[in-house]
Amino acid sequence: MNIVLYALAGGIAGWLAFAVIGYNAERGLIVSLVMGAFGALIGGHVIAPALFSSAAAQTGVIMPAVIIAFAAAATCLFAGNQVQKRWGI
């Protein structure tokens, strides 16, 4: 369930970056959605557990992890836009 929420948060970040800010305009909406979802999955599964670890396994939705996933997606989109501007990749 959390994987779906992370991917959804990343997809929303990708859509906002494409539609509102104009990031990855040359590459298209699908690339923005995929980059956002990838960044959110990394943020939700790697960064959030490192910041919010506990002895017991967490069950259910953890909102700070979803917020970190959204922030990681935004960071991934920003980095991708900067790489595209600099090197045209």
PDB file of N, CA and C in Angstrom:
ATOM      1  N   MET A   1       0.821  -1.192   0.000  1.00  0.00           N
ATOM      2  CA  MET A   1       0.000   0.000   0.000  1.00  0.00           C
ATOM      3  C   MET A   1       0.866   1.257   0.000  1.00  0.00           C
ATOM      4  N   ASN A   2       1.944   1.227   0.774  1.00  0.00           N
ATOM      5  CA  ASN A   2       2.813   2.401   0.822  1.00  0.00           C
ATOM      6  C   ASN A   2       3.507   2.649  -0.512  1.00  0.00           C
ATOM      7  N   ILE A   3       3.826   1.584  -1.238  1.00  0.00           N
ATOM      8  CA  ILE A   3       4.471   1.753  -2.540  1.00  0.00           C
ATOM      9  C   ILE A   3       3.553   2.525  -3.484  1.00  0.00           C
ATOM     10  N   VAL A   4       2.280   2.211  -3.444  1.00  0.00           N
ATOM     11  CA  VAL A   4       1.314   2.906  -4.296  1.00  0.00           C
ATOM     12  C   VAL A   4       1.226   4.385  -3.901  1.00  0.00           C
ATOM     13  N   LEU A   5       1.219   4.655  -2.608  1.00  0.00           N
ATOM     14  CA  LEU A   5       1.169   6.047  -2.154  1.00  0.00           C
ATOM     15  C   LEU A   5       2.422   6.812  -2.546  1.00  0.00           C
ATOM     16  N   TYR A   6       3.578   6.173  -2.440  1.00  0.00           N
ATOM     17  CA  TYR A   6       4.821   6.834  -2.852  1.00  0.00           C
ATOM     18  C   TYR A   6       4.796   7.139  -4.342  1.00  0.00           C
ATOM     19  N   ALA A   7       4.394   6.153  -5.146  1.00  0.00           N
ATOM     20  CA  ALA A   7       4.329   6.367  -6.591  1.00  0.00           C
ATOM     21  C   ALA A   7       3.303   7.432  -6.947  1.00  0.00           C
ATOM     22  N   LEU A   8       2.184   7.456  -6.244  1.00  0.00           N
ATOM     23  CA  LEU A   8       1.165   8.473  -6.481  1.00  0.00           C
ATOM     24  C   LEU A   8       1.687   9.856  -6.120  1.00  0.00           C
ATOM     25  N   ALA A   9       2.378   9.973  -4.994  1.00  0.00           N
ATOM     26  CA  ALA A   9       2.961  11.258  -4.597  1.00  0.00           C
ATOM     27  C   ALA A   9       3.995  11.718  -5.623  1.00  0.00           C
ATOM     28  N   GLY A  10       4.797  10.783  -6.128  1.00  0.00           N
ATOM     29  CA  GLY A  10       5.774  11.121  -7.152  1.00  0.00           C
ATOM     30  C   GLY A  10       5.133  11.508  -8.464  1.00  0.00           C
ATOM     31  N   GLY A  11       4.057  10.817  -8.814  1.00  0.00           N
ATOM     32  CA  GLY A  11       3.327  11.170 -10.035  1.00  0.00           C
ATOM     33  C   GLY A  11       2.712  12.556  -9.945  1.00  0.00           C
ATOM     34  N   ILE A  12       2.178  12.886  -8.788  1.00  0.00           N
ATOM     35  CA  ILE A  12       1.622  14.233  -8.594  1.00  0.00           C
ATOM     36  C   ILE A  12       2.729  15.276  -8.676  1.00  0.00           C
ATOM     37  N   ALA A  13       3.871  14.976  -8.075  1.00  0.00           N
ATOM     38  CA  ALA A  13       5.000  15.913  -8.154  1.00  0.00           C
ATOM     39  C   ALA A  13       5.465  16.066  -9.600  1.00  0.00           C
ATOM     40  N   GLY A  14       5.504  14.966 -10.351  1.00  0.00           N
ATOM     41  CA  GLY A  14       5.899  15.029 -11.755  1.00  0.00           C
ATOM     42  C   GLY A  14       4.926  15.823 -12.591  1.00  0.00           C
ATOM     43  N   TRP A  15       3.640  15.619 -12.352  1.00  0.00           N
ATOM     44  CA  TRP A  15       2.634  16.371 -13.096  1.00  0.00           C
ATOM     45  C   TRP A  15       2.725  17.853 -12.763  1.00  0.00           C
ATOM     46  N   LEU A  16       2.865  18.193 -11.478  1.00  0.00           N
ATOM     47  CA  LEU A  16       2.989  19.600 -11.091  1.00  0.00           C
ATOM     48  C   LEU A  16       4.241  20.234 -11.698  1.00  0.00           C
ATOM     49  N   ALA A  17       5.327  19.487 -11.688  1.00  0.00           N
ATOM     50  CA  ALA A  17       6.564  20.014 -12.261  1.00  0.00           C
ATOM     51  C   ALA A  17       6.410  20.261 -13.754  1.00  0.00           C
ATOM     52  N   PHE A  18       5.708  19.384 -14.449  1.00  0.00           N
ATOM     53  CA  PHE A  18       5.532  19.540 -15.887  1.00  0.00           C
ATOM     54  C   PHE A  18       4.521  20.631 -16.214  1.00  0.00           C
ATOM     55  N   ALA A  19       3.357  20.599 -15.560  1.00  0.00           N
ATOM     56  CA  ALA A  19       2.249  21.487 -15.920  1.00  0.00           C
ATOM     57  C   ALA A  19       2.422  22.898 -15.377  1.00  0.00           C
ATOM     58  N   VAL A  20       2.894  23.042 -14.177  1.00  0.00           N
ATOM     59  CA  VAL A  20       2.955  24.358 -13.534  1.00  0.00           C
ATOM     60  C   VAL A  20       4.313  25.015 -13.717  1.00  0.00           C
ATOM     61  N   ILE A  21       5.371  24.280 -13.402  1.00  0.00           N
ATOM     62  CA  ILE A  21       6.707  24.875 -13.416  1.00  0.00           C
ATOM     63  C   ILE A  21       7.346  24.798 -14.799  1.00  0.00           C
ATOM     64  N   GLY A  22       7.042  23.750 -15.548  1.00  0.00           N
ATOM     65  CA  GLY A  22       7.596  23.603 -16.886  1.00  0.00           C
ATOM     66  C   GLY A  22       8.863  22.764 -16.942  1.00  0.00           C
ATOM     67  N   TYR A  23       9.166  22.020 -15.878  1.00  0.00           N
ATOM     68  CA  TYR A  23      10.332  21.133 -15.895  1.00  0.00           C
ATOM     69  C   TYR A  23      10.102  20.012 -16.897  1.00  0.00           C
ATOM     70  N   ASN A  24      11.165  19.593 -17.547  1.00  0.00           N
ATOM     71  CA  ASN A  24      11.142  18.492 -18.508  1.00  0.00           C
ATOM     72  C   ASN A  24      10.142  18.710 -19.630  1.00  0.00           C
ATOM     73  N   ALA A  25       9.916  19.953 -20.003  1.00  0.00           N
ATOM     74  CA  ALA A  25       8.953  20.256 -21.064  1.00  0.00           C
ATOM     75  C   ALA A  25       9.395  19.665 -22.404  1.00  0.00           C
ATOM     76  N   GLU A  26      10.704  19.592 -22.620  1.00  0.00           N
ATOM     77  CA  GLU A  26      11.208  19.053 -23.883  1.00  0.00           C
ATOM     78  C   GLU A  26      11.032  17.539 -23.947  1.00  0.00           C
ATOM     79  N   ARG A  27      11.059  16.869 -22.802  1.00  0.00           N
ATOM     80  CA  ARG A  27      10.978  15.411 -22.783  1.00  0.00           C
ATOM     81  C   ARG A  27       9.561  14.887 -22.668  1.00  0.00           C
ATOM     82  N   GLY A  28       8.638  15.659 -22.135  1.00  0.00           N
ATOM     83  CA  GLY A  28       7.232  15.252 -22.095  1.00  0.00           C
ATOM     84  C   GLY A  28       6.722  14.882 -20.718  1.00  0.00           C
ATOM     85  N   LEU A  29       5.428  14.708 -20.662  1.00  0.00           N
ATOM     86  CA  LEU A  29       4.735  14.433 -19.400  1.00  0.00           C
ATOM     87  C   LEU A  29       5.066  13.054 -18.848  1.00  0.00           C
ATOM     88  N   ILE A  30       5.150  12.057 -19.717  1.00  0.00           N
ATOM     89  CA  ILE A  30       5.408  10.690 -19.253  1.00  0.00           C
ATOM     90  C   ILE A  30       6.758  10.609 -18.555  1.00  0.00           C
ATOM     91  N   VAL A  31       7.765  11.271 -19.092  1.00  0.00           N
ATOM     92  CA  VAL A  31       9.084  11.268 -18.458  1.00  0.00           C
ATOM     93  C   VAL A  31       9.015  11.941 -17.094  1.00  0.00           C
ATOM     94  N   SER A  32       8.266  13.015 -16.983  1.00  0.00           N
ATOM     95  CA  SER A  32       8.114  13.684 -15.696  1.00  0.00           C
ATOM     96  C   SER A  32       7.424  12.785 -14.681  1.00  0.00           C
ATOM     97  N   LEU A  33       6.400  12.071 -15.107  1.00  0.00           N
ATOM     98  CA  LEU A  33       5.702  11.165 -14.200  1.00  0.00           C
ATOM     99  C   LEU A  33       6.605  10.024 -13.741  1.00  0.00           C
ATOM    100  N   VAL A  34       7.366   9.457 -14.663  1.00  0.00           N
ATOM    101  CA  VAL A  34       8.254   8.345 -14.324  1.00  0.00           C
ATOM    102  C   VAL A  34       9.379   8.823 -13.409  1.00  0.00           C
ATOM    103  N   MET A  35       9.965   9.972 -13.718  1.00  0.00           N
ATOM    104  CA  MET A  35      11.032  10.501 -12.861  1.00  0.00           C
ATOM    105  C   MET A  35      10.507  10.816 -11.466  1.00  0.00           C
ATOM    106  N   GLY A  36       9.318  11.373 -11.375  1.00  0.00           N
ATOM    107  CA  GLY A  36       8.722  11.667 -10.081  1.00  0.00           C
ATOM    108  C   GLY A  36       8.435  10.408  -9.285  1.00  0.00           C
ATOM    109  N   ALA A  37       7.881   9.401  -9.943  1.00  0.00           N
ATOM    110  CA  ALA A  37       7.580   8.141  -9.256  1.00  0.00           C
ATOM    111  C   ALA A  37       8.861   7.447  -8.797  1.00  0.00           C
ATOM    112  N   PHE A  38       9.903   7.467  -9.628  1.00  0.00           N
ATOM    113  CA  PHE A  38      11.171   6.858  -9.246  1.00  0.00           C
ATOM    114  C   PHE A  38      11.783   7.577  -8.045  1.00  0.00           C
ATOM    115  N   GLY A  39      11.794   8.892  -8.078  1.00  0.00           N
ATOM    116  CA  GLY A  39      12.324   9.651  -6.953  1.00  0.00           C
ATOM    117  C   GLY A  39      11.538   9.421  -5.674  1.00  0.00           C
ATOM    118  N   ALA A  40      10.229   9.299  -5.797  1.00  0.00           N
ATOM    119  CA  ALA A  40       9.391   9.058  -4.624  1.00  0.00           C
ATOM    120  C   ALA A  40       9.632   7.668  -4.043  1.00  0.00           C
ATOM    121  N   LEU A  41       9.813   6.678  -4.892  1.00  0.00           N
ATOM    122  CA  LEU A  41      10.091   5.330  -4.393  1.00  0.00           C
ATOM    123  C   LEU A  41      11.431   5.284  -3.663  1.00  0.00           C
ATOM    124  N   ILE A  42      12.425   5.964  -4.209  1.00  0.00           N
ATOM    125  CA  ILE A  42      13.719   6.035  -3.524  1.00  0.00           C
ATOM    126  C   ILE A  42      13.569   6.774  -2.198  1.00  0.00           C
ATOM    127  N   GLY A  43      12.852   7.870  -2.207  1.00  0.00           N
ATOM    128  CA  GLY A  43      12.655   8.637  -0.980  1.00  0.00           C
ATOM    129  C   GLY A  43      11.866   7.873   0.059  1.00  0.00           C
ATOM    130  N   GLY A  44      10.845   7.154  -0.365  1.00  0.00           N
ATOM    131  CA  GLY A  44       9.995   6.427   0.564  1.00  0.00           C
ATOM    132  C   GLY A  44      10.624   5.169   1.122  1.00  0.00           C
ATOM    133  N   HIS A  45      11.474   4.502   0.322  1.00  0.00           N
ATOM    134  CA  HIS A  45      12.064   3.244   0.769  1.00  0.00           C
ATOM    135  C   HIS A  45      13.493   3.363   1.271  1.00  0.00           C
ATOM    136  N   VAL A  46      14.194   4.419   0.931  1.00  0.00           N
ATOM    137  CA  VAL A  46      15.589   4.550   1.360  1.00  0.00           C
ATOM    138  C   VAL A  46      15.758   5.680   2.375  1.00  0.00           C
ATOM    139  N   ILE A  47      15.273   6.855   2.032  1.00  0.00           N
ATOM    140  CA  ILE A  47      15.513   8.022   2.884  1.00  0.00           C
ATOM    141  C   ILE A  47      14.614   8.013   4.117  1.00  0.00           C
ATOM    142  N   ALA A  48      13.323   7.761   3.942  1.00  0.00           N
ATOM    143  CA  ALA A  48      12.383   7.807   5.072  1.00  0.00           C
ATOM    144  C   ALA A  48      12.708   6.785   6.162  1.00  0.00           C
ATOM    145  N   PRO A  49      13.014   5.525   5.830  1.00  0.00           N
ATOM    146  CA  PRO A  49      13.372   4.592   6.911  1.00  0.00           C
ATOM    147  C   PRO A  49      14.656   4.986   7.638  1.00  0.00           C
ATOM    148  N   ALA A  50      15.560   5.637   6.928  1.00  0.00           N
ATOM    149  CA  ALA A  50      16.788   6.080   7.593  1.00  0.00           C
ATOM    150  C   ALA A  50      16.512   7.204   8.584  1.00  0.00           C
ATOM    151  N   LEU A  51      15.522   8.022   8.301  1.00  0.00           N
ATOM    152  CA  LEU A  51      15.188   9.134   9.184  1.00  0.00           C
ATOM    153  C   LEU A  51      14.209   8.741  10.290  1.00  0.00           C
ATOM    154  N   PHE A  52      13.306   7.826  10.008  1.00  0.00           N
ATOM    155  CA  PHE A  52      12.267   7.439  10.963  1.00  0.00           C
ATOM    156  C   PHE A  52      12.357   5.950  11.265  1.00  0.00           C
ATOM    157  N   SER A  53      13.436   5.512  11.855  1.00  0.00           N
ATOM    158  CA  SER A  53      13.549   4.098  12.183  1.00  0.00           C
ATOM    159  C   SER A  53      13.024   3.860  13.596  1.00  0.00           C
ATOM    160  N   SER A  54      12.461   2.696  13.774  1.00  0.00           N
ATOM    161  CA  SER A  54      11.983   2.300  15.095  1.00  0.00           C
ATOM    162  C   SER A  54      12.241   0.811  15.274  1.00  0.00           C
ATOM    163  N   ALA A  55      12.145   0.351  16.504  1.00  0.00           N
ATOM    164  CA  ALA A  55      12.404  -1.059  16.781  1.00  0.00           C
ATOM    165  C   ALA A  55      11.315  -1.944  16.198  1.00  0.00           C
ATOM    166  N   ALA A  56      10.087  -1.498  16.263  1.00  0.00           N
ATOM    167  CA  ALA A  56       8.969  -2.282  15.730  1.00  0.00           C
ATOM    168  C   ALA A  56       8.691  -1.882  14.283  1.00  0.00           C
ATOM    169  N   ALA A  57       8.241  -2.827  13.512  1.00  0.00           N
ATOM    170  CA  ALA A  57       7.898  -2.542  12.119  1.00  0.00           C
ATOM    171  C   ALA A  57       6.641  -1.678  12.074  1.00  0.00           C
ATOM    172  N   GLN A  58       6.656  -0.678  11.243  1.00  0.00           N
ATOM    173  CA  GLN A  58       5.516   0.226  11.114  1.00  0.00           C
ATOM    174  C   GLN A  58       4.459  -0.418  10.222  1.00  0.00           C
ATOM    175  N   THR A  59       3.224  -0.278  10.615  1.00  0.00           N
ATOM    176  CA  THR A  59       2.118  -0.752   9.783  1.00  0.00           C
ATOM    177  C   THR A  59       1.230   0.432   9.454  1.00  0.00           C
ATOM    178  N   GLY A  60       0.572   0.362   8.325  1.00  0.00           N
ATOM    179  CA  GLY A  60      -0.303   1.446   7.919  1.00  0.00           C
ATOM    180  C   GLY A  60       0.460   2.541   7.188  1.00  0.00           C
ATOM    181  N   VAL A  61      -0.232   3.640   6.970  1.00  0.00           N
ATOM    182  CA  VAL A  61       0.330   4.758   6.223  1.00  0.00           C
ATOM    183  C   VAL A  61       1.108   5.665   7.173  1.00  0.00           C
ATOM    184  N   ILE A  62       2.312   5.994   6.786  1.00  0.00           N
ATOM    185  CA  ILE A  62       3.150   6.888   7.576  1.00  0.00           C
ATOM    186  C   ILE A  62       3.279   8.189   6.780  1.00  0.00           C
ATOM    187  N   MET A  63       2.567   9.222   7.205  1.00  0.00           N
ATOM    188  CA  MET A  63       2.521  10.477   6.452  1.00  0.00           C
ATOM    189  C   MET A  63       3.885  11.161   6.324  1.00  0.00           C
ATOM    190  N   PRO A  64       4.748  11.168   7.346  1.00  0.00           N
ATOM    191  CA  PRO A  64       6.068  11.775   7.123  1.00  0.00           C
ATOM    192  C   PRO A  64       6.844  11.088   6.004  1.00  0.00           C
ATOM    193  N   ALA A  65       6.670   9.781   5.841  1.00  0.00           N
ATOM    194  CA  ALA A  65       7.342   9.070   4.752  1.00  0.00           C
ATOM    195  C   ALA A  65       6.790   9.498   3.395  1.00  0.00           C
ATOM    196  N   VAL A  66       5.497   9.737   3.318  1.00  0.00           N
ATOM    197  CA  VAL A  66       4.892  10.200   2.057  1.00  0.00           C
ATOM    198  C   VAL A  66       5.388  11.610   1.733  1.00  0.00           C
ATOM    199  N   ILE A  67       5.522  12.447   2.745  1.00  0.00           N
ATOM    200  CA  ILE A  67       6.039  13.803   2.526  1.00  0.00           C
ATOM    201  C   ILE A  67       7.490  13.761   2.076  1.00  0.00           C
ATOM    202  N   ILE A  68       8.282  12.886   2.673  1.00  0.00           N
ATOM    203  CA  ILE A  68       9.680  12.728   2.251  1.00  0.00           C
ATOM    204  C   ILE A  68       9.735  12.182   0.828  1.00  0.00           C
ATOM    205  N   ALA A  69       8.849  11.269   0.484  1.00  0.00           N
ATOM    206  CA  ALA A  69       8.802  10.730  -0.881  1.00  0.00           C
ATOM    207  C   ALA A  69       8.479  11.839  -1.879  1.00  0.00           C
ATOM    208  N   PHE A  70       7.529  12.707  -1.538  1.00  0.00           N
ATOM    209  CA  PHE A  70       7.185  13.834  -2.406  1.00  0.00           C
ATOM    210  C   PHE A  70       8.382  14.768  -2.574  1.00  0.00           C
ATOM    211  N   ALA A  71       9.079  15.056  -1.483  1.00  0.00           N
ATOM    212  CA  ALA A  71      10.252  15.935  -1.551  1.00  0.00           C
ATOM    213  C   ALA A  71      11.374  15.297  -2.368  1.00  0.00           C
ATOM    214  N   ALA A  72      11.562  13.991  -2.229  1.00  0.00           N
ATOM    215  CA  ALA A  72      12.585  13.301  -3.020  1.00  0.00           C
ATOM    216  C   ALA A  72      12.218  13.306  -4.502  1.00  0.00           C
ATOM    217  N   ALA A  73      10.944  13.180  -4.818  1.00  0.00           N
ATOM    218  CA  ALA A  73      10.504  13.246  -6.210  1.00  0.00           C
ATOM    219  C   ALA A  73      10.768  14.629  -6.785  1.00  0.00           C
ATOM    220  N   ALA A  74      10.470  15.664  -6.015  1.00  0.00           N
ATOM    221  CA  ALA A  74      10.718  17.029  -6.470  1.00  0.00           C
ATOM    222  C   ALA A  74      12.212  17.261  -6.687  1.00  0.00           C
ATOM    223  N   THR A  75      13.041  16.721  -5.805  1.00  0.00           N
ATOM    224  CA  THR A  75      14.486  16.846  -5.951  1.00  0.00           C
ATOM    225  C   THR A  75      14.972  16.118  -7.193  1.00  0.00           C
ATOM    226  N   CYS A  76      14.451  14.933  -7.448  1.00  0.00           N
ATOM    227  CA  CYS A  76      14.816  14.168  -8.641  1.00  0.00           C
ATOM    228  C   CYS A  76      14.418  14.911  -9.911  1.00  0.00           C
ATOM    229  N   LEU A  77      13.238  15.498  -9.911  1.00  0.00           N
ATOM    230  CA  LEU A  77      12.775  16.270 -11.075  1.00  0.00           C
ATOM    231  C   LEU A  77      13.644  17.511 -11.283  1.00  0.00           C
ATOM    232  N   PHE A  78      13.999  18.187 -10.209  1.00  0.00           N
ATOM    233  CA  PHE A  78      14.863  19.361 -10.313  1.00  0.00           C
ATOM    234  C   PHE A  78      16.231  18.976 -10.869  1.00  0.00           C
ATOM    235  N   ALA A  79      16.799  17.891 -10.340  1.00  0.00           N
ATOM    236  CA  ALA A  79      18.108  17.441 -10.815  1.00  0.00           C
ATOM    237  C   ALA A  79      18.053  17.028 -12.286  1.00  0.00           C
ATOM    238  N   GLY A  80      16.987  16.344 -12.682  1.00  0.00           N
ATOM    239  CA  GLY A  80      16.838  15.954 -14.084  1.00  0.00           C
ATOM    240  C   GLY A  80      16.717  17.151 -15.002  1.00  0.00           C
ATOM    241  N   ASN A  81      16.011  18.166 -14.554  1.00  0.00           N
ATOM    242  CA  ASN A  81      15.876  19.384 -15.353  1.00  0.00           C
ATOM    243  C   ASN A  81      17.219  20.099 -15.482  1.00  0.00           C
ATOM    244  N   GLN A  82      17.983  20.151 -14.418  1.00  0.00           N
ATOM    245  CA  GLN A  82      19.287  20.812 -14.471  1.00  0.00           C
ATOM    246  C   GLN A  82      20.275  20.063 -15.368  1.00  0.00           C
ATOM    247  N   VAL A  83      20.238  18.731 -15.300  1.00  0.00           N
ATOM    248  CA  VAL A  83      21.102  17.927 -16.176  1.00  0.00           C
ATOM    249  C   VAL A  83      20.716  18.146 -17.632  1.00  0.00           C
ATOM    250  N   GLN A  84      19.418  18.198 -17.916  1.00  0.00           N
ATOM    251  CA  GLN A  84      18.965  18.413 -19.290  1.00  0.00           C
ATOM    252  C   GLN A  84      19.361  19.793 -19.796  1.00  0.00           C
ATOM    253  N   LYS A  85      19.264  20.802 -18.947  1.00  0.00           N
ATOM    254  CA  LYS A  85      19.668  22.149 -19.352  1.00  0.00           C
ATOM    255  C   LYS A  85      21.165  22.239 -19.603  1.00  0.00           C
ATOM    256  N   ARG A  86      21.946  21.592 -18.747  1.00  0.00           N
ATOM    257  CA  ARG A  86      23.399  21.699 -18.826  1.00  0.00           C
ATOM    258  C   ARG A  86      23.994  20.882 -19.963  1.00  0.00           C
ATOM    259  N   TRP A  87      23.614  19.595 -20.040  1.00  0.00           N
ATOM    260  CA  TRP A  87      24.227  18.700 -21.001  1.00  0.00           C
ATOM    261  C   TRP A  87      23.300  18.239 -22.107  1.00  0.00           C
ATOM    262  N   GLY A  88      22.041  18.564 -22.050  1.00  0.00           N
ATOM    263  CA  GLY A  88      21.107  18.181 -23.100  1.00  0.00           C
ATOM    264  C   GLY A  88      20.760  16.713 -23.119  1.00  0.00           C
ATOM    265  N   ILE A  89      20.891  16.048 -21.994  1.00  0.00           N
ATOM    266  CA  ILE A  89      20.600  14.618 -21.909  1.00  0.00           C
ATOM    267  C   ILE A  89      19.146  14.419 -21.571  1.00  0.00           C
TER     268      ILE A  89
END
